[in-house]
Amino acid sequence: MSKQTEDTLMAVHLEVTRLGLVKEFNAQLRRMASLKEYKWIDMATKYERALALTKENYNARNDKRKKK
């Protein structure tokens, strides 16, 4: 594993931990594992995509709650 990959994984881990989205992030990774489009993508890219999707879902949920 390259230094850049390790840095990316650590940055994603710290962001997920800071936001308190560990459970949601892990669930997103499990969902992605079953999809063929993510089968041959490297781990750092998967983590970055899972983080982006998790943050989108989290923000969408919070926006709906605020509107009520």
PDB file of N, CA and C in Angstrom:
ATOM      1  N   MET A   1       0.849  -1.164   0.000  1.00  0.00           N
ATOM      2  CA  MET A   1       0.000   0.000   0.000  1.00  0.00           C
ATOM      3  C   MET A   1       0.898   1.232   0.000  1.00  0.00           C
ATOM      4  N   SER A   2       0.563   2.159  -0.867  1.00  0.00           N
ATOM      5  CA  SER A   2       1.374   3.357  -0.979  1.00  0.00           C
ATOM      6  C   SER A   2       1.080   4.336   0.149  1.00  0.00           C
ATOM      7  N   LYS A   3       1.972   5.258   0.330  1.00  0.00           N
ATOM      8  CA  LYS A   3       1.815   6.287   1.354  1.00  0.00           C
ATOM      9  C   LYS A   3       0.574   7.133   1.091  1.00  0.00           C
ATOM     10  N   GLN A   4       0.320   7.425  -0.179  1.00  0.00           N
ATOM     11  CA  GLN A   4      -0.845   8.239  -0.525  1.00  0.00           C
ATOM     12  C   GLN A   4      -2.138   7.499  -0.181  1.00  0.00           C
ATOM     13  N   THR A   5      -2.183   6.196  -0.433  1.00  0.00           N
ATOM     14  CA  THR A   5      -3.364   5.403  -0.105  1.00  0.00           C
ATOM     15  C   THR A   5      -3.593   5.387   1.396  1.00  0.00           C
ATOM     16  N   GLU A   6      -2.523   5.200   2.154  1.00  0.00           N
ATOM     17  CA  GLU A   6      -2.640   5.202   3.618  1.00  0.00           C
ATOM     18  C   GLU A   6      -3.148   6.544   4.123  1.00  0.00           C
ATOM     19  N   ASP A   7      -2.646   7.624   3.543  1.00  0.00           N
ATOM     20  CA  ASP A   7      -3.089   8.959   3.944  1.00  0.00           C
ATOM     21  C   ASP A   7      -4.570   9.162   3.642  1.00  0.00           C
ATOM     22  N   THR A   8      -5.007   8.678   2.495  1.00  0.00           N
ATOM     23  CA  THR A   8      -6.414   8.796   2.116  1.00  0.00           C
ATOM     24  C   THR A   8      -7.294   8.018   3.073  1.00  0.00           C
ATOM     25  N   LEU A   9      -6.904   6.781   3.371  1.00  0.00           N
ATOM     26  CA  LEU A   9      -7.687   5.948   4.282  1.00  0.00           C
ATOM     27  C   LEU A   9      -7.757   6.564   5.674  1.00  0.00           C
ATOM     28  N   MET A  10      -6.643   7.120   6.136  1.00  0.00           N
ATOM     29  CA  MET A  10      -6.626   7.745   7.453  1.00  0.00           C
ATOM     30  C   MET A  10      -7.488   8.997   7.471  1.00  0.00           C
ATOM     31  N   ALA A  11      -7.440   9.784   6.409  1.00  0.00           N
ATOM     32  CA  ALA A  11      -8.258  10.988   6.340  1.00  0.00           C
ATOM     33  C   ALA A  11      -9.748  10.635   6.357  1.00  0.00           C
ATOM     34  N   VAL A  12     -10.128   9.602   5.618  1.00  0.00           N
ATOM     35  CA  VAL A  12     -11.526   9.172   5.605  1.00  0.00           C
ATOM     36  C   VAL A  12     -11.926   8.670   6.984  1.00  0.00           C
ATOM     37  N   HIS A  13     -11.068   7.867   7.597  1.00  0.00           N
ATOM     38  CA  HIS A  13     -11.360   7.334   8.937  1.00  0.00           C
ATOM     39  C   HIS A  13     -11.552   8.461   9.948  1.00  0.00           C
ATOM     40  N   LEU A  14     -10.674   9.436   9.929  1.00  0.00           N
ATOM     41  CA  LEU A  14     -10.782  10.549  10.870  1.00  0.00           C
ATOM     42  C   LEU A  14     -12.054  11.352  10.634  1.00  0.00           C
ATOM     43  N   GLU A  15     -12.414  11.565   9.375  1.00  0.00           N
ATOM     44  CA  GLU A  15     -13.634  12.309   9.051  1.00  0.00           C
ATOM     45  C   GLU A  15     -14.877  11.567   9.528  1.00  0.00           C
ATOM     46  N   VAL A  16     -14.912  10.257   9.278  1.00  0.00           N
ATOM     47  CA  VAL A  16     -16.061   9.447   9.696  1.00  0.00           C
ATOM     48  C   VAL A  16     -16.179   9.451  11.218  1.00  0.00           C
ATOM     49  N   THR A  17     -15.071   9.308  11.900  1.00  0.00           N
ATOM     50  CA  THR A  17     -15.070   9.294  13.359  1.00  0.00           C
ATOM     51  C   THR A  17     -15.488  10.656  13.916  1.00  0.00           C
ATOM     52  N   ARG A  18     -14.985  11.724  13.320  1.00  0.00           N
ATOM     53  CA  ARG A  18     -15.303  13.085  13.779  1.00  0.00           C
ATOM     54  C   ARG A  18     -16.798  13.370  13.643  1.00  0.00           C
ATOM     55  N   LEU A  19     -17.389  12.885  12.550  1.00  0.00           N
ATOM     56  CA  LEU A  19     -18.815  13.118  12.317  1.00  0.00           C
ATOM     57  C   LEU A  19     -19.708  12.138  13.062  1.00  0.00           C
ATOM     58  N   GLY A  20     -19.120  11.071  13.593  1.00  0.00           N
ATOM     59  CA  GLY A  20     -19.905  10.072  14.310  1.00  0.00           C
ATOM     60  C   GLY A  20     -20.751   9.210  13.388  1.00  0.00           C
ATOM     61  N   LEU A  21     -20.246   8.959  12.191  1.00  0.00           N
ATOM     62  CA  LEU A  21     -20.993   8.207  11.192  1.00  0.00           C
ATOM     63  C   LEU A  21     -20.388   6.828  10.916  1.00  0.00           C
ATOM     64  N   VAL A  22     -19.757   6.242  11.908  1.00  0.00           N
ATOM     65  CA  VAL A  22     -19.068   4.969  11.712  1.00  0.00           C
ATOM     66  C   VAL A  22     -20.050   3.872  11.306  1.00  0.00           C
ATOM     67  N   LYS A  23     -21.160   3.785  11.999  1.00  0.00           N
ATOM     68  CA  LYS A  23     -22.145   2.745  11.715  1.00  0.00           C
ATOM     69  C   LYS A  23     -22.708   2.894  10.299  1.00  0.00           C
ATOM     70  N   GLU A  24     -23.069   4.110   9.913  1.00  0.00           N
ATOM     71  CA  GLU A  24     -23.611   4.364   8.589  1.00  0.00           C
ATOM     72  C   GLU A  24     -22.564   4.111   7.505  1.00  0.00           C
ATOM     73  N   PHE A  25     -21.316   4.505   7.778  1.00  0.00           N
ATOM     74  CA  PHE A  25     -20.228   4.305   6.821  1.00  0.00           C
ATOM     75  C   PHE A  25     -20.000   2.817   6.578  1.00  0.00           C
ATOM     76  N   ASN A  26     -19.964   2.029   7.639  1.00  0.00           N
ATOM     77  CA  ASN A  26     -19.765   0.587   7.489  1.00  0.00           C
ATOM     78  C   ASN A  26     -20.921  -0.055   6.734  1.00  0.00           C
ATOM     79  N   ALA A  27     -22.135   0.413   6.979  1.00  0.00           N
ATOM     80  CA  ALA A  27     -23.297  -0.102   6.251  1.00  0.00           C
ATOM     81  C   ALA A  27     -23.183   0.231   4.765  1.00  0.00           C
ATOM     82  N   GLN A  28     -22.716   1.426   4.457  1.00  0.00           N
ATOM     83  CA  GLN A  28     -22.540   1.820   3.057  1.00  0.00           C
ATOM     84  C   GLN A  28     -21.482   0.956   2.386  1.00  0.00           C
ATOM     85  N   LEU A  29     -20.392   0.654   3.080  1.00  0.00           N
ATOM     86  CA  LEU A  29     -19.361  -0.224   2.517  1.00  0.00           C
ATOM     87  C   LEU A  29     -19.917  -1.620   2.244  1.00  0.00           C
ATOM     88  N   ARG A  30     -20.762  -2.124   3.144  1.00  0.00           N
ATOM     89  CA  ARG A  30     -21.377  -3.438   2.922  1.00  0.00           C
ATOM     90  C   ARG A  30     -22.287  -3.417   1.693  1.00  0.00           C
ATOM     91  N   ARG A  31     -23.048  -2.340   1.525  1.00  0.00           N
ATOM     92  CA  ARG A  31     -23.904  -2.223   0.336  1.00  0.00           C
ATOM     93  C   ARG A  31     -23.064  -2.178  -0.935  1.00  0.00           C
ATOM     94  N   MET A  32     -21.970  -1.435  -0.885  1.00  0.00           N
ATOM     95  CA  MET A  32     -21.105  -1.313  -2.055  1.00  0.00           C
ATOM     96  C   MET A  32     -20.414  -2.630  -2.392  1.00  0.00           C
ATOM     97  N   ALA A  33     -20.156  -3.460  -1.405  1.00  0.00           N
ATOM     98  CA  ALA A  33     -19.481  -4.732  -1.641  1.00  0.00           C
ATOM     99  C   ALA A  33     -20.312  -5.664  -2.512  1.00  0.00           C
ATOM    100  N   SER A  34     -21.611  -5.494  -2.484  1.00  0.00           N
ATOM    101  CA  SER A  34     -22.478  -6.368  -3.272  1.00  0.00           C
ATOM    102  C   SER A  34     -22.686  -5.867  -4.700  1.00  0.00           C
ATOM    103  N   LEU A  35     -22.183  -4.682  -5.025  1.00  0.00           N
ATOM    104  CA  LEU A  35     -22.356  -4.115  -6.356  1.00  0.00           C
ATOM    105  C   LEU A  35     -21.158  -4.428  -7.251  1.00  0.00           C
ATOM    106  N   LYS A  36     -21.422  -4.834  -8.474  1.00  0.00           N
ATOM    107  CA  LYS A  36     -20.357  -5.206  -9.406  1.00  0.00           C
ATOM    108  C   LYS A  36     -19.471  -4.023  -9.793  1.00  0.00           C
ATOM    109  N   GLU A  37     -20.032  -2.830  -9.840  1.00  0.00           N
ATOM    110  CA  GLU A  37     -19.255  -1.666 -10.282  1.00  0.00           C
ATOM    111  C   GLU A  37     -18.101  -1.329  -9.332  1.00  0.00           C
ATOM    112  N   TYR A  38     -18.157  -1.794  -8.094  1.00  0.00           N
ATOM    113  CA  TYR A  38     -17.101  -1.499  -7.120  1.00  0.00           C
ATOM    114  C   TYR A  38     -16.147  -2.674  -6.918  1.00  0.00           C
ATOM    115  N   LYS A  39     -16.324  -3.743  -7.691  1.00  0.00           N
ATOM    116  CA  LYS A  39     -15.535  -4.952  -7.465  1.00  0.00           C
ATOM    117  C   LYS A  39     -14.040  -4.725  -7.697  1.00  0.00           C
ATOM    118  N   TRP A  40     -13.664  -4.020  -8.744  1.00  0.00           N
ATOM    119  CA  TRP A  40     -12.255  -3.860  -9.092  1.00  0.00           C
ATOM    120  C   TRP A  40     -11.706  -2.471  -8.775  1.00  0.00           C
ATOM    121  N   ILE A  41     -12.399  -1.704  -7.989  1.00  0.00           N
ATOM    122  CA  ILE A  41     -11.924  -0.373  -7.614  1.00  0.00           C
ATOM    123  C   ILE A  41     -11.073  -0.497  -6.346  1.00  0.00           C
ATOM    124  N   ASP A  42      -9.989   0.278  -6.293  1.00  0.00           N
ATOM    125  CA  ASP A  42      -9.095   0.184  -5.136  1.00  0.00           C
ATOM    126  C   ASP A  42      -9.786   0.669  -3.859  1.00  0.00           C
ATOM    127  N   MET A  43      -9.240   0.262  -2.737  1.00  0.00           N
ATOM    128  CA  MET A  43      -9.857   0.503  -1.438  1.00  0.00           C
ATOM    129  C   MET A  43      -9.999   1.991  -1.117  1.00  0.00           C
ATOM    130  N   ALA A  44      -9.000   2.788  -1.433  1.00  0.00           N
ATOM    131  CA  ALA A  44      -9.063   4.214  -1.113  1.00  0.00           C
ATOM    132  C   ALA A  44     -10.214   4.889  -1.862  1.00  0.00           C
ATOM    133  N   THR A  45     -10.411   4.520  -3.110  1.00  0.00           N
ATOM    134  CA  THR A  45     -11.496   5.091  -3.896  1.00  0.00           C
ATOM    135  C   THR A  45     -12.849   4.657  -3.344  1.00  0.00           C
ATOM    136  N   LYS A  46     -12.948   3.400  -2.936  1.00  0.00           N
ATOM    137  CA  LYS A  46     -14.189   2.908  -2.330  1.00  0.00           C
ATOM    138  C   LYS A  46     -14.504   3.672  -1.056  1.00  0.00           C
ATOM    139  N   TYR A  47     -13.494   3.877  -0.231  1.00  0.00           N
ATOM    140  CA  TYR A  47     -13.701   4.597   1.030  1.00  0.00           C
ATOM    141  C   TYR A  47     -14.132   6.035   0.778  1.00  0.00           C
ATOM    142  N   GLU A  48     -13.484   6.697  -0.192  1.00  0.00           N
ATOM    143  CA  GLU A  48     -13.860   8.077  -0.499  1.00  0.00           C
ATOM    144  C   GLU A  48     -15.294   8.150  -1.004  1.00  0.00           C
ATOM    145  N   ARG A  49     -15.689   7.218  -1.865  1.00  0.00           N
ATOM    146  CA  ARG A  49     -17.054   7.202  -2.399  1.00  0.00           C
ATOM    147  C   ARG A  49     -18.061   6.889  -1.297  1.00  0.00           C
ATOM    148  N   ALA A  50     -17.723   5.929  -0.427  1.00  0.00           N
ATOM    149  CA  ALA A  50     -18.617   5.593   0.685  1.00  0.00           C
ATOM    150  C   ALA A  50     -18.778   6.786   1.616  1.00  0.00           C
ATOM    151  N   LEU A  51     -17.712   7.526   1.868  1.00  0.00           N
ATOM    152  CA  LEU A  51     -17.792   8.723   2.707  1.00  0.00           C
ATOM    153  C   LEU A  51     -18.703   9.762   2.067  1.00  0.00           C
ATOM    154  N   ALA A  52     -18.546   9.981   0.769  1.00  0.00           N
ATOM    155  CA  ALA A  52     -19.378  10.964   0.077  1.00  0.00           C
ATOM    156  C   ALA A  52     -20.854  10.570   0.137  1.00  0.00           C
ATOM    157  N   LEU A  53     -21.158   9.301  -0.104  1.00  0.00           N
ATOM    158  CA  LEU A  53     -22.544   8.839  -0.053  1.00  0.00           C
ATOM    159  C   LEU A  53     -23.113   8.922   1.355  1.00  0.00           C
ATOM    160  N   THR A  54     -22.314   8.575   2.341  1.00  0.00           N
ATOM    161  CA  THR A  54     -22.756   8.633   3.728  1.00  0.00           C
ATOM    162  C   THR A  54     -23.060  10.067   4.139  1.00  0.00           C
ATOM    163  N   LYS A  55     -22.193  11.002   3.755  1.00  0.00           N
ATOM    164  CA  LYS A  55     -22.415  12.395   4.087  1.00  0.00           C
ATOM    165  C   LYS A  55     -23.643  12.949   3.371  1.00  0.00           C
ATOM    166  N   GLU A  56     -23.860  12.540   2.117  1.00  0.00           N
ATOM    167  CA  GLU A  56     -25.054  12.975   1.391  1.00  0.00           C
ATOM    168  C   GLU A  56     -26.315  12.498   2.096  1.00  0.00           C
ATOM    169  N   ASN A  57     -26.342  11.226   2.481  1.00  0.00           N
ATOM    170  CA  ASN A  57     -27.508  10.671   3.169  1.00  0.00           C
ATOM    171  C   ASN A  57     -27.722  11.353   4.510  1.00  0.00           C
ATOM    172  N   TYR A  58     -26.653  11.596   5.235  1.00  0.00           N
ATOM    173  CA  TYR A  58     -26.734  12.249   6.538  1.00  0.00           C
ATOM    174  C   TYR A  58     -27.286  13.673   6.392  1.00  0.00           C
ATOM    175  N   ASN A  59     -26.776  14.413   5.418  1.00  0.00           N
ATOM    176  CA  ASN A  59     -27.238  15.786   5.207  1.00  0.00           C
ATOM    177  C   ASN A  59     -28.688  15.815   4.748  1.00  0.00           C
ATOM    178  N   ALA A  60     -29.072  14.886   3.891  1.00  0.00           N
ATOM    179  CA  ALA A  60     -30.461  14.840   3.421  1.00  0.00           C
ATOM    180  C   ALA A  60     -31.409  14.540   4.583  1.00  0.00           C
ATOM    181  N   ARG A  61     -31.020  13.623   5.459  1.00  0.00           N
ATOM    182  CA  ARG A  61     -31.850  13.302   6.631  1.00  0.00           C
ATOM    183  C   ARG A  61     -31.987  14.508   7.543  1.00  0.00           C
ATOM    184  N   ASN A  62     -30.893  15.195   7.782  1.00  0.00           N
ATOM    185  CA  ASN A  62     -30.931  16.362   8.674  1.00  0.00           C
ATOM    186  C   ASN A  62     -31.735  17.507   8.067  1.00  0.00           C
ATOM    187  N   ASP A  63     -31.673  17.681   6.752  1.00  0.00           N
ATOM    188  CA  ASP A  63     -32.460  18.732   6.100  1.00  0.00           C
ATOM    189  C   ASP A  63     -33.943  18.460   6.249  1.00  0.00           C
ATOM    190  N   LYS A  64     -34.347  17.205   6.121  1.00  0.00           N
ATOM    191  CA  LYS A  64     -35.760  16.845   6.282  1.00  0.00           C
ATOM    192  C   LYS A  64     -36.217  17.104   7.703  1.00  0.00           C
ATOM    193  N   ARG A  65     -35.375  16.807   8.676  1.00  0.00           N
ATOM    194  CA  ARG A  65     -35.739  17.029  10.083  1.00  0.00           C
ATOM    195  C   ARG A  65     -35.880  18.509  10.390  1.00  0.00           C
ATOM    196  N   LYS A  66     -35.025  19.332   9.810  1.00  0.00           N
ATOM    197  CA  LYS A  66     -35.069  20.764  10.074  1.00  0.00           C
ATOM    198  C   LYS A  66     -36.314  21.415   9.486  1.00  0.00           C
ATOM    199  N   LYS A  67     -36.806  20.873   8.370  1.00  0.00           N
ATOM    200  CA  LYS A  67     -37.981  21.453   7.713  1.00  0.00           C
ATOM    201  C   LYS A  67     -39.257  21.183   8.493  1.00  0.00           C
ATOM    202  N   LYS A  68     -39.278  20.163   9.316  1.00  0.00           N
ATOM    203  CA  LYS A  68     -40.484  19.822  10.065  1.00  0.00           C
ATOM    204  C   LYS A  68     -40.773  20.789  11.150  1.00  0.00           C
TER     205      LYS A  68
END
